[in-house]
Amino acid sequence: MRKKQVITEPLDDRQKAEIFAAEKGALSPQAYLEAYILRFMAHNKIPETYEMPRMRRVRLIGTALFCLVLLAVIAHLFFYHVYYYADLAAALIALAVYAAVMRRACSMQRYLSREIRRRPDADIDVLLFDTLSGAKKRRMTSALCVIMLVCAFAAGAAFFSVPHAIYLPNDAGGYTLAFYSTSLFSEESVAVPDVYGGLPVNELRSGVFAGLPINAVQLPAGLTAIPDRAFYDCDRLREIDLPQGTVNIGNEAFSGCESLTRVGAPGSVRFVGGKAFAGCVSLAKIELPAEANVNASAFQNSAVQTGQ
């Protein structure tokens, strides 16, 4: 079906006089110009819901960029799940920038005002008539923008509807659990396999489980160290058994685990880092070997008693 063109008519001298008389309190020529454009559009029944082809491109490109930012924020949230407030701030800033750019760049009034300033020698009536005759309703553009936004959210939700783990080879002849993210439907427990790709899983990345809403974790048997901030701020974690052969418990490894009530520590533990169990207010006791070197701040602000 052929799209109907917008038909405009120039204002006569009487209508122009009425416009300038009604706007005589304006403070600048720009205000007069904007008022004239608004009255011209109103006279020809052209609302702000119309747009020019250039405005359509700006709206589509801007929405696509906003969708990419949203996906980046979602990915950051799930892969580096400690920084909730930073992700929220980034999303809000992106939304504010998107709204401001769309409002400014896709305003018919601003577009026409720029066209008039760009061609100061042209007759304003003729310029507005010629320009607005090419305007179209933005219904199709708005629908495409909504589709892009829905697809961005759907892609993020689909990707993170299941847990994801990334394993990378390391120099110790095995694999490192480099990234872990829970699903949107948070799991209660996590089991890290002993073997991946035919090789043992013997390392964790620092902060790999930090901030996750999990209750319990089963660690691989080949693990010898709990890295720094591995379970930082896992406030739902209730119990954990460290693998036999664990030697080091890193700095802030379990800091902020307020619900942690039991830690099964093997006799191989030789070092407990600074603030390793800081803020573990529900952990009453932990059995550590007498030869373990325990940092003075390891149990800061916690209820723990060591059984060395």
C-alpha atoms as a PDB file:
ATOM      1  CA  MET A   1       0.000   0.000   0.000  1.00  0.00           C
ATOM      2  CA  ARG A   2       1.365   3.404  -0.943  1.00  0.00           C
ATOM      3  CA  LYS A   3       2.163   5.609   2.054  1.00  0.00           C
ATOM      4  CA  LYS A   4       0.266   8.859   2.212  1.00  0.00           C
ATOM      5  CA  GLN A   5       2.431  11.977   2.080  1.00  0.00           C
ATOM      6  CA  VAL A   6       2.001  14.758   4.618  1.00  0.00           C
ATOM      7  CA  ILE A   7       0.463  17.808   2.929  1.00  0.00           C
ATOM      8  CA  THR A   8       1.367  21.214   4.369  1.00  0.00           C
ATOM      9  CA  GLU A   9       0.182  24.717   3.601  1.00  0.00           C
ATOM     10  CA  PRO A  10       2.073  27.971   4.152  1.00  0.00           C
ATOM     11  CA  LEU A  11       0.678  30.363   6.742  1.00  0.00           C
ATOM     12  CA  ASP A  12      -0.827  33.592   5.489  1.00  0.00           C
ATOM     13  CA  ASP A  13       0.215  37.031   6.773  1.00  0.00           C
ATOM     14  CA  ARG A  14      -2.650  37.210   9.285  1.00  0.00           C
ATOM     15  CA  GLN A  15      -1.689  33.884  10.866  1.00  0.00           C
ATOM     16  CA  LYS A  16       1.957  34.963  11.053  1.00  0.00           C
ATOM     17  CA  ALA A  17       0.956  38.170  12.795  1.00  0.00           C
ATOM     18  CA  GLU A  18      -1.136  36.225  15.295  1.00  0.00           C
ATOM     19  CA  ILE A  19       1.783  33.932  16.065  1.00  0.00           C
ATOM     20  CA  PHE A  20       4.252  36.734  16.705  1.00  0.00           C
ATOM     21  CA  ALA A  21       1.694  38.699  18.708  1.00  0.00           C
ATOM     22  CA  ALA A  22       0.973  35.677  20.885  1.00  0.00           C
ATOM     23  CA  GLU A  23       4.680  35.135  21.472  1.00  0.00           C
ATOM     24  CA  LYS A  24       5.680  38.749  22.063  1.00  0.00           C
ATOM     25  CA  GLY A  25       6.881  37.876  25.564  1.00  0.00           C
ATOM     26  CA  ALA A  26       9.565  35.537  24.229  1.00  0.00           C
ATOM     27  CA  LEU A  27      13.111  36.415  25.242  1.00  0.00           C
ATOM     28  CA  SER A  28      15.053  35.572  22.072  1.00  0.00           C
ATOM     29  CA  PRO A  29      14.737  35.163  18.306  1.00  0.00           C
ATOM     30  CA  GLN A  30      15.186  31.417  18.826  1.00  0.00           C
ATOM     31  CA  ALA A  31      12.048  31.369  20.975  1.00  0.00           C
ATOM     32  CA  TYR A  32      10.123  33.159  18.221  1.00  0.00           C
ATOM     33  CA  LEU A  33      11.420  30.661  15.691  1.00  0.00           C
ATOM     34  CA  GLU A  34      10.424  27.664  17.803  1.00  0.00           C
ATOM     35  CA  ALA A  35       6.975  29.136  18.391  1.00  0.00           C
ATOM     36  CA  TYR A  36       6.560  29.731  14.679  1.00  0.00           C
ATOM     37  CA  ILE A  37       7.480  26.138  13.884  1.00  0.00           C
ATOM     38  CA  LEU A  38       5.067  24.781  16.488  1.00  0.00           C
ATOM     39  CA  ARG A  39       2.208  26.915  15.166  1.00  0.00           C
ATOM     40  CA  PHE A  40       3.054  25.969  11.595  1.00  0.00           C
ATOM     41  CA  MET A  41       2.952  22.281  12.517  1.00  0.00           C
ATOM     42  CA  ALA A  42      -0.266  22.719  14.483  1.00  0.00           C
ATOM     43  CA  HIS A  43      -1.868  24.600  11.589  1.00  0.00           C
ATOM     44  CA  ASN A  44      -1.034  21.707   9.258  1.00  0.00           C
ATOM     45  CA  LYS A  45      -1.928  19.066  11.872  1.00  0.00           C
ATOM     46  CA  ILE A  46       1.583  17.615  12.002  1.00  0.00           C
ATOM     47  CA  PRO A  47       2.289  16.287  15.524  1.00  0.00           C
ATOM     48  CA  GLU A  48       5.688  15.481  17.033  1.00  0.00           C
ATOM     49  CA  THR A  49       5.000  11.809  16.233  1.00  0.00           C
ATOM     50  CA  TYR A  50       6.183  12.508  12.668  1.00  0.00           C
ATOM     51  CA  GLU A  51       9.825  12.169  11.735  1.00  0.00           C
ATOM     52  CA  MET A  52      12.276  12.686   8.914  1.00  0.00           C
ATOM     53  CA  PRO A  53      14.398   9.872   7.395  1.00  0.00           C
ATOM     54  CA  ARG A  54      17.529  11.194   9.148  1.00  0.00           C
ATOM     55  CA  MET A  55      15.730  11.117  12.496  1.00  0.00           C
ATOM     56  CA  ARG A  56      14.664   7.518  11.814  1.00  0.00           C
ATOM     57  CA  ARG A  57      18.278   6.467  11.322  1.00  0.00           C
ATOM     58  CA  VAL A  58      19.344   8.230  14.497  1.00  0.00           C
ATOM     59  CA  ARG A  59      16.590   6.533  16.491  1.00  0.00           C
ATOM     60  CA  LEU A  60      17.415   3.047  15.174  1.00  0.00           C
ATOM     61  CA  ILE A  61      21.189   3.425  15.619  1.00  0.00           C
ATOM     62  CA  GLY A  62      20.743   4.913  19.097  1.00  0.00           C
ATOM     63  CA  THR A  63      18.461   2.066  20.161  1.00  0.00           C
ATOM     64  CA  ALA A  64      20.876  -0.536  18.794  1.00  0.00           C
ATOM     65  CA  LEU A  65      23.745   1.012  20.778  1.00  0.00           C
ATOM     66  CA  PHE A  66      21.600   1.117  23.919  1.00  0.00           C
ATOM     67  CA  CYS A  67      20.790  -2.586  23.467  1.00  0.00           C
ATOM     68  CA  LEU A  68      24.507  -3.382  23.208  1.00  0.00           C
ATOM     69  CA  VAL A  69      25.175  -1.455  26.420  1.00  0.00           C
ATOM     70  CA  LEU A  70      22.380  -3.366  28.164  1.00  0.00           C
ATOM     71  CA  LEU A  71      23.829  -6.695  27.061  1.00  0.00           C
ATOM     72  CA  ALA A  72      27.291  -5.602  28.244  1.00  0.00           C
ATOM     73  CA  VAL A  73      25.879  -4.609  31.645  1.00  0.00           C
ATOM     74  CA  ILE A  74      24.041  -7.934  31.952  1.00  0.00           C
ATOM     75  CA  ALA A  75      27.197  -9.861  31.024  1.00  0.00           C
ATOM     76  CA  HIS A  76      29.274  -7.888  33.522  1.00  0.00           C
ATOM     77  CA  LEU A  77      26.693  -8.468  36.228  1.00  0.00           C
ATOM     78  CA  PHE A  78      26.772 -12.236  35.794  1.00  0.00           C
ATOM     79  CA  PHE A  79      30.480 -12.696  35.166  1.00  0.00           C
ATOM     80  CA  TYR A  80      31.741 -10.194  37.757  1.00  0.00           C
ATOM     81  CA  HIS A  81      28.835 -10.484  40.129  1.00  0.00           C
ATOM     82  CA  VAL A  82      30.267  -8.459  43.026  1.00  0.00           C
ATOM     83  CA  TYR A  83      29.611  -5.057  41.474  1.00  0.00           C
ATOM     84  CA  TYR A  84      25.835  -4.835  41.643  1.00  0.00           C
ATOM     85  CA  TYR A  85      25.729  -1.084  42.327  1.00  0.00           C
ATOM     86  CA  ALA A  86      28.181  -0.294  39.534  1.00  0.00           C
ATOM     87  CA  ASP A  87      26.055  -2.285  37.075  1.00  0.00           C
ATOM     88  CA  LEU A  88      22.878  -0.570  38.226  1.00  0.00           C
ATOM     89  CA  ALA A  89      24.531   2.836  37.894  1.00  0.00           C
ATOM     90  CA  ALA A  90      25.812   1.976  34.403  1.00  0.00           C
ATOM     91  CA  ALA A  91      22.334   0.858  33.301  1.00  0.00           C
ATOM     92  CA  LEU A  92      20.690   4.007  34.675  1.00  0.00           C
ATOM     93  CA  ILE A  93      23.312   6.272  33.071  1.00  0.00           C
ATOM     94  CA  ALA A  94      22.885   4.482  29.741  1.00  0.00           C
ATOM     95  CA  LEU A  95      19.109   4.887  29.996  1.00  0.00           C
ATOM     96  CA  ALA A  96      19.408   8.603  30.820  1.00  0.00           C
ATOM     97  CA  VAL A  97      21.816   9.200  27.916  1.00  0.00           C
ATOM     98  CA  TYR A  98      19.596   7.218  25.552  1.00  0.00           C
ATOM     99  CA  ALA A  99      16.484   9.157  26.565  1.00  0.00           C
ATOM    100  CA  ALA A 100      18.261  12.527  26.306  1.00  0.00           C
ATOM    101  CA  VAL A 101      19.747  11.772  22.886  1.00  0.00           C
ATOM    102  CA  MET A 102      16.467  10.448  21.512  1.00  0.00           C
ATOM    103  CA  ARG A 103      14.540  13.439  22.807  1.00  0.00           C
ATOM    104  CA  ARG A 104      16.986  15.934  21.368  1.00  0.00           C
ATOM    105  CA  ALA A 105      17.967  14.258  18.114  1.00  0.00           C
ATOM    106  CA  CYS A 106      14.482  13.001  17.225  1.00  0.00           C
ATOM    107  CA  SER A 107      12.475  16.147  17.920  1.00  0.00           C
ATOM    108  CA  MET A 108      10.780  17.473  14.796  1.00  0.00           C
ATOM    109  CA  GLN A 109      10.848  20.986  16.214  1.00  0.00           C
ATOM    110  CA  ARG A 110      14.615  20.871  16.797  1.00  0.00           C
ATOM    111  CA  TYR A 111      15.170  19.304  13.390  1.00  0.00           C
ATOM    112  CA  LEU A 112      13.264  22.067  11.614  1.00  0.00           C
ATOM    113  CA  SER A 113      14.983  24.739  13.679  1.00  0.00           C
ATOM    114  CA  ARG A 114      18.385  23.394  12.626  1.00  0.00           C
ATOM    115  CA  GLU A 115      17.307  23.297   8.990  1.00  0.00           C
ATOM    116  CA  ILE A 116      16.211  26.944   9.130  1.00  0.00           C
ATOM    117  CA  ARG A 117      19.477  28.051  10.771  1.00  0.00           C
ATOM    118  CA  ARG A 118      21.445  26.036   8.221  1.00  0.00           C
ATOM    119  CA  ARG A 119      19.722  27.848   5.336  1.00  0.00           C
ATOM    120  CA  PRO A 120      19.225  31.410   6.585  1.00  0.00           C
ATOM    121  CA  ASP A 121      18.505  32.845   3.114  1.00  0.00           C
ATOM    122  CA  ALA A 122      15.590  30.493   2.390  1.00  0.00           C
ATOM    123  CA  ASP A 123      11.988  31.541   2.854  1.00  0.00           C
ATOM    124  CA  ILE A 124      10.854  29.931   6.110  1.00  0.00           C
ATOM    125  CA  ASP A 125       7.380  29.064   4.804  1.00  0.00           C
ATOM    126  CA  VAL A 126       8.728  27.378   1.687  1.00  0.00           C
ATOM    127  CA  LEU A 127      11.423  25.593   3.674  1.00  0.00           C
ATOM    128  CA  LEU A 128       8.939  24.232   6.196  1.00  0.00           C
ATOM    129  CA  PHE A 129       6.517  23.285   3.434  1.00  0.00           C
ATOM    130  CA  ASP A 130       9.181  21.383   1.465  1.00  0.00           C
ATOM    131  CA  THR A 131      10.676  19.711   4.534  1.00  0.00           C
ATOM    132  CA  LEU A 132       7.463  18.613   6.204  1.00  0.00           C
ATOM    133  CA  SER A 133       6.073  17.224   2.964  1.00  0.00           C
ATOM    134  CA  GLY A 134       8.625  14.410   3.368  1.00  0.00           C
ATOM    135  CA  ALA A 135       7.732  13.594   6.986  1.00  0.00           C
ATOM    136  CA  LYS A 136       6.323  10.206   7.929  1.00  0.00           C
ATOM    137  CA  LYS A 137       4.700   8.766  11.011  1.00  0.00           C
ATOM    138  CA  ARG A 138       7.259   7.191  13.306  1.00  0.00           C
ATOM    139  CA  ARG A 139       5.037   4.185  14.027  1.00  0.00           C
ATOM    140  CA  MET A 140       7.268   1.773  12.094  1.00  0.00           C
ATOM    141  CA  THR A 141      10.437   3.145  13.699  1.00  0.00           C
ATOM    142  CA  SER A 142       8.949   2.875  17.179  1.00  0.00           C
ATOM    143  CA  ALA A 143       7.940  -0.718  16.504  1.00  0.00           C
ATOM    144  CA  LEU A 144      11.464  -1.603  15.342  1.00  0.00           C
ATOM    145  CA  CYS A 145      12.976   0.051  18.435  1.00  0.00           C
ATOM    146  CA  VAL A 146      10.646  -1.891  20.724  1.00  0.00           C
ATOM    147  CA  ILE A 147      11.526  -5.133  18.915  1.00  0.00           C
ATOM    148  CA  MET A 148      15.259  -4.455  19.386  1.00  0.00           C
ATOM    149  CA  LEU A 149      14.814  -3.749  23.103  1.00  0.00           C
ATOM    150  CA  VAL A 150      12.696  -6.865  23.607  1.00  0.00           C
ATOM    151  CA  CYS A 151      15.262  -8.971  21.727  1.00  0.00           C
ATOM    152  CA  ALA A 152      18.095  -7.582  23.882  1.00  0.00           C
ATOM    153  CA  PHE A 153      16.314  -8.466  27.108  1.00  0.00           C
ATOM    154  CA  ALA A 154      15.228 -11.844  25.710  1.00  0.00           C
ATOM    155  CA  ALA A 155      18.784 -12.675  24.604  1.00  0.00           C
ATOM    156  CA  GLY A 156      20.135 -11.820  28.059  1.00  0.00           C
ATOM    157  CA  ALA A 157      17.413 -13.827  29.792  1.00  0.00           C
ATOM    158  CA  ALA A 158      17.877 -16.816  27.471  1.00  0.00           C
ATOM    159  CA  PHE A 159      21.649 -16.879  27.898  1.00  0.00           C
ATOM    160  CA  PHE A 160      21.480 -16.660  31.670  1.00  0.00           C
ATOM    161  CA  SER A 161      18.495 -18.961  32.140  1.00  0.00           C
ATOM    162  CA  VAL A 162      21.057 -21.701  32.830  1.00  0.00           C
ATOM    163  CA  PRO A 163      24.337 -21.545  34.789  1.00  0.00           C
ATOM    164  CA  HIS A 164      27.545 -20.988  32.849  1.00  0.00           C
ATOM    165  CA  ALA A 165      31.100 -22.001  33.687  1.00  0.00           C
ATOM    166  CA  ILE A 166      34.286 -21.194  31.790  1.00  0.00           C
ATOM    167  CA  TYR A 167      37.370 -23.354  32.256  1.00  0.00           C
ATOM    168  CA  LEU A 168      40.828 -22.313  31.072  1.00  0.00           C
ATOM    169  CA  PRO A 169      43.983 -24.450  30.929  1.00  0.00           C
ATOM    170  CA  ASN A 170      46.669 -23.560  33.474  1.00  0.00           C
ATOM    171  CA  ASP A 171      50.381 -24.178  34.032  1.00  0.00           C
ATOM    172  CA  ALA A 172      49.694 -26.816  36.681  1.00  0.00           C
ATOM    173  CA  GLY A 173      48.606 -29.376  34.099  1.00  0.00           C
ATOM    174  CA  GLY A 174      44.878 -28.902  34.651  1.00  0.00           C
ATOM    175  CA  TYR A 175      42.068 -26.420  34.301  1.00  0.00           C
ATOM    176  CA  THR A 176      41.125 -23.262  36.162  1.00  0.00           C
ATOM    177  CA  LEU A 177      37.486 -22.405  36.799  1.00  0.00           C
ATOM    178  CA  ALA A 178      37.790 -18.866  35.459  1.00  0.00           C
ATOM    179  CA  PHE A 179      34.126 -17.742  35.425  1.00  0.00           C
ATOM    180  CA  TYR A 180      30.934 -18.968  36.967  1.00  0.00           C
ATOM    181  CA  SER A 181      27.483 -17.463  36.834  1.00  0.00           C
ATOM    182  CA  THR A 182      24.275 -18.796  38.295  1.00  0.00           C
ATOM    183  CA  SER A 183      21.081 -18.844  36.302  1.00  0.00           C
ATOM    184  CA  LEU A 184      18.348 -16.250  36.649  1.00  0.00           C
ATOM    185  CA  PHE A 185      16.564 -18.943  38.628  1.00  0.00           C
ATOM    186  CA  SER A 186      19.242 -19.034  41.324  1.00  0.00           C
ATOM    187  CA  GLU A 187      20.649 -22.403  42.251  1.00  0.00           C
ATOM    188  CA  GLU A 188      20.900 -23.490  45.865  1.00  0.00           C
ATOM    189  CA  SER A 189      24.102 -25.463  45.389  1.00  0.00           C
ATOM    190  CA  VAL A 190      27.012 -25.678  42.955  1.00  0.00           C
ATOM    191  CA  ALA A 191      29.134 -28.741  42.149  1.00  0.00           C
ATOM    192  CA  VAL A 192      32.473 -28.125  40.440  1.00  0.00           C
ATOM    193  CA  PRO A 193      33.596 -31.311  38.629  1.00  0.00           C
ATOM    194  CA  ASP A 194      36.871 -33.018  39.502  1.00  0.00           C
ATOM    195  CA  VAL A 195      37.757 -33.439  35.832  1.00  0.00           C
ATOM    196  CA  TYR A 196      37.121 -31.263  32.787  1.00  0.00           C
ATOM    197  CA  GLY A 197      38.252 -32.132  29.278  1.00  0.00           C
ATOM    198  CA  GLY A 198      40.128 -35.145  30.577  1.00  0.00           C
ATOM    199  CA  LEU A 199      42.274 -33.039  32.963  1.00  0.00           C
ATOM    200  CA  PRO A 200      41.803 -32.218  36.657  1.00  0.00           C
ATOM    201  CA  VAL A 201      40.190 -28.979  37.768  1.00  0.00           C
ATOM    202  CA  ASN A 202      42.851 -27.787  40.224  1.00  0.00           C
ATOM    203  CA  GLU A 203      42.480 -23.989  40.399  1.00  0.00           C
ATOM    204  CA  LEU A 204      39.831 -21.325  40.951  1.00  0.00           C
ATOM    205  CA  ARG A 205      40.039 -17.749  39.781  1.00  0.00           C
ATOM    206  CA  SER A 206      40.060 -15.091  42.466  1.00  0.00           C
ATOM    207  CA  GLY A 207      36.476 -13.999  43.219  1.00  0.00           C
ATOM    208  CA  VAL A 208      34.959 -16.686  41.007  1.00  0.00           C
ATOM    209  CA  PHE A 209      31.948 -17.264  43.311  1.00  0.00           C
ATOM    210  CA  ALA A 210      31.870 -13.823  44.946  1.00  0.00           C
ATOM    211  CA  GLY A 211      28.379 -12.516  45.598  1.00  0.00           C
ATOM    212  CA  LEU A 212      26.540 -15.542  44.219  1.00  0.00           C
ATOM    213  CA  PRO A 213      23.248 -16.511  45.923  1.00  0.00           C
ATOM    214  CA  ILE A 214      24.286 -20.102  46.663  1.00  0.00           C
ATOM    215  CA  ASN A 215      23.833 -22.208  49.807  1.00  0.00           C
ATOM    216  CA  ALA A 216      26.507 -24.882  49.338  1.00  0.00           C
ATOM    217  CA  VAL A 217      29.455 -25.677  47.066  1.00  0.00           C
ATOM    218  CA  GLN A 218      31.152 -28.960  46.237  1.00  0.00           C
ATOM    219  CA  LEU A 219      34.778 -28.242  45.295  1.00  0.00           C
ATOM    220  CA  PRO A 220      36.986 -30.451  43.091  1.00  0.00           C
ATOM    221  CA  ALA A 221      39.250 -32.956  44.834  1.00  0.00           C
ATOM    222  CA  GLY A 222      42.417 -31.649  43.155  1.00  0.00           C
ATOM    223  CA  LEU A 223      42.106 -28.146  44.575  1.00  0.00           C
ATOM    224  CA  THR A 224      45.015 -27.074  46.830  1.00  0.00           C
ATOM    225  CA  ALA A 225      44.147 -23.412  47.457  1.00  0.00           C
ATOM    226  CA  ILE A 226      41.074 -21.265  48.018  1.00  0.00           C
ATOM    227  CA  PRO A 227      41.986 -18.026  46.220  1.00  0.00           C
ATOM    228  CA  ASP A 228      41.450 -14.497  47.488  1.00  0.00           C
ATOM    229  CA  ARG A 229      37.783 -13.430  47.685  1.00  0.00           C
ATOM    230  CA  ALA A 230      36.678 -16.748  46.202  1.00  0.00           C
ATOM    231  CA  PHE A 231      33.399 -16.689  48.172  1.00  0.00           C
ATOM    232  CA  TYR A 232      33.402 -13.028  49.142  1.00  0.00           C
ATOM    233  CA  ASP A 233      29.977 -11.782  50.224  1.00  0.00           C
ATOM    234  CA  CYS A 234      28.189 -15.090  49.543  1.00  0.00           C
ATOM    235  CA  ASP A 235      25.722 -14.217  52.279  1.00  0.00           C
ATOM    236  CA  ARG A 236      23.569 -17.331  51.648  1.00  0.00           C
ATOM    237  CA  LEU A 237      26.412 -19.841  51.821  1.00  0.00           C
ATOM    238  CA  ARG A 238      25.704 -22.118  54.804  1.00  0.00           C
ATOM    239  CA  GLU A 239      28.346 -24.832  54.725  1.00  0.00           C
ATOM    240  CA  ILE A 240      31.354 -25.966  52.767  1.00  0.00           C
ATOM    241  CA  ASP A 241      33.898 -28.793  52.901  1.00  0.00           C
ATOM    242  CA  LEU A 242      37.383 -27.916  51.691  1.00  0.00           C
ATOM    243  CA  PRO A 243      39.056 -30.700  49.668  1.00  0.00           C
ATOM    244  CA  GLN A 244      41.691 -32.881  51.258  1.00  0.00           C
ATOM    245  CA  GLY A 245      45.021 -31.389  50.275  1.00  0.00           C
ATOM    246  CA  THR A 246      43.906 -27.739  50.607  1.00  0.00           C
ATOM    247  CA  VAL A 247      46.948 -25.784  51.809  1.00  0.00           C
ATOM    248  CA  ASN A 248      46.029 -22.113  51.525  1.00  0.00           C
ATOM    249  CA  ILE A 249      42.871 -20.144  52.318  1.00  0.00           C
ATOM    250  CA  GLY A 250      43.320 -16.745  50.674  1.00  0.00           C
ATOM    251  CA  ASN A 251      42.642 -13.228  51.833  1.00  0.00           C
ATOM    252  CA  GLU A 252      38.914 -12.471  52.279  1.00  0.00           C
ATOM    253  CA  ALA A 253      38.145 -15.917  50.855  1.00  0.00           C
ATOM    254  CA  PHE A 254      34.923 -16.198  52.905  1.00  0.00           C
ATOM    255  CA  SER A 255      34.597 -12.607  54.070  1.00  0.00           C
ATOM    256  CA  GLY A 256      30.992 -11.493  54.455  1.00  0.00           C
ATOM    257  CA  CYS A 257      29.505 -15.014  54.445  1.00  0.00           C
ATOM    258  CA  GLU A 258      27.013 -14.153  57.188  1.00  0.00           C
ATOM    259  CA  SER A 259      25.078 -17.435  56.958  1.00  0.00           C
ATOM    260  CA  LEU A 260      28.118 -19.715  57.020  1.00  0.00           C
ATOM    261  CA  THR A 261      27.724 -22.160  59.926  1.00  0.00           C
ATOM    262  CA  ARG A 262      30.186 -24.969  59.091  1.00  0.00           C
ATOM    263  CA  VAL A 263      33.554 -25.198  57.360  1.00  0.00           C
ATOM    264  CA  GLY A 264      35.200 -28.578  56.978  1.00  0.00           C
ATOM    265  CA  ALA A 265      38.923 -27.761  56.957  1.00  0.00           C
ATOM    266  CA  PRO A 266      41.381 -30.615  56.318  1.00  0.00           C
ATOM    267  CA  GLY A 267      44.591 -31.143  58.247  1.00  0.00           C
ATOM    268  CA  SER A 268      46.624 -29.998  55.236  1.00  0.00           C
ATOM    269  CA  VAL A 269      45.774 -26.311  55.772  1.00  0.00           C
ATOM    270  CA  ARG A 270      48.929 -24.311  56.431  1.00  0.00           C
ATOM    271  CA  PHE A 271      47.912 -20.709  55.819  1.00  0.00           C
ATOM    272  CA  VAL A 272      44.773 -18.666  56.489  1.00  0.00           C
ATOM    273  CA  GLY A 273      44.893 -15.196  54.944  1.00  0.00           C
ATOM    274  CA  GLY A 274      43.832 -11.794  56.202  1.00  0.00           C
ATOM    275  CA  LYS A 275      40.094 -11.383  56.807  1.00  0.00           C
ATOM    276  CA  ALA A 276      39.594 -14.866  55.387  1.00  0.00           C
ATOM    277  CA  PHE A 277      36.474 -15.355  57.550  1.00  0.00           C
ATOM    278  CA  ALA A 278      35.785 -11.726  58.490  1.00  0.00           C
ATOM    279  CA  GLY A 279      32.119 -11.028  59.188  1.00  0.00           C
ATOM    280  CA  CYS A 280      31.158 -14.716  59.420  1.00  0.00           C
ATOM    281  CA  VAL A 281      28.817 -14.011  62.315  1.00  0.00           C
ATOM    282  CA  SER A 282      27.154 -17.451  62.198  1.00  0.00           C
ATOM    283  CA  LEU A 283      30.370 -19.482  62.204  1.00  0.00           C
ATOM    284  CA  ALA A 284      30.927 -20.567  65.805  1.00  0.00           C
ATOM    285  CA  LYS A 285      33.894 -22.902  65.392  1.00  0.00           C
ATOM    286  CA  ILE A 286      36.414 -24.162  62.870  1.00  0.00           C
ATOM    287  CA  GLU A 287      39.002 -26.945  63.290  1.00  0.00           C
ATOM    288  CA  LEU A 288      42.449 -25.955  62.031  1.00  0.00           C
ATOM    289  CA  PRO A 289      45.750 -27.852  62.405  1.00  0.00           C
ATOM    290  CA  ALA A 290      48.145 -26.529  65.058  1.00  0.00           C
ATOM    291  CA  GLU A 291      50.850 -25.792  62.483  1.00  0.00           C
ATOM    292  CA  ALA A 292      48.588 -23.512  60.405  1.00  0.00           C
ATOM    293  CA  ASN A 293      49.724 -19.891  60.101  1.00  0.00           C
ATOM    294  CA  VAL A 294      46.561 -17.873  60.793  1.00  0.00           C
ATOM    295  CA  ASN A 295      46.555 -14.166  60.000  1.00  0.00           C
ATOM    296  CA  ALA A 296      45.623 -11.943  62.949  1.00  0.00           C
ATOM    297  CA  SER A 297      42.635 -10.507  61.068  1.00  0.00           C
ATOM    298  CA  ALA A 298      41.420 -13.847  59.680  1.00  0.00           C
ATOM    299  CA  PHE A 299      38.344 -13.959  61.965  1.00  0.00           C
ATOM    300  CA  GLN A 300      37.725 -10.241  62.349  1.00  0.00           C
ATOM    301  CA  ASN A 301      34.130  -9.378  63.384  1.00  0.00           C
ATOM    302  CA  SER A 302      33.110 -13.036  63.450  1.00  0.00           C
ATOM    303  CA  ALA A 303      31.902 -15.438  66.169  1.00  0.00           C
ATOM    304  CA  VAL A 304      34.393 -18.140  65.306  1.00  0.00           C
ATOM    305  CA  GLN A 305      36.586 -20.021  67.763  1.00  0.00           C
ATOM    306  CA  THR A 306      39.492 -21.965  66.358  1.00  0.00           C
ATOM    307  CA  GLY A 307      40.153 -25.501  67.483  1.00  0.00           C
ATOM    308  CA  GLN A 308      43.929 -25.396  66.962  1.00  0.00           C
END
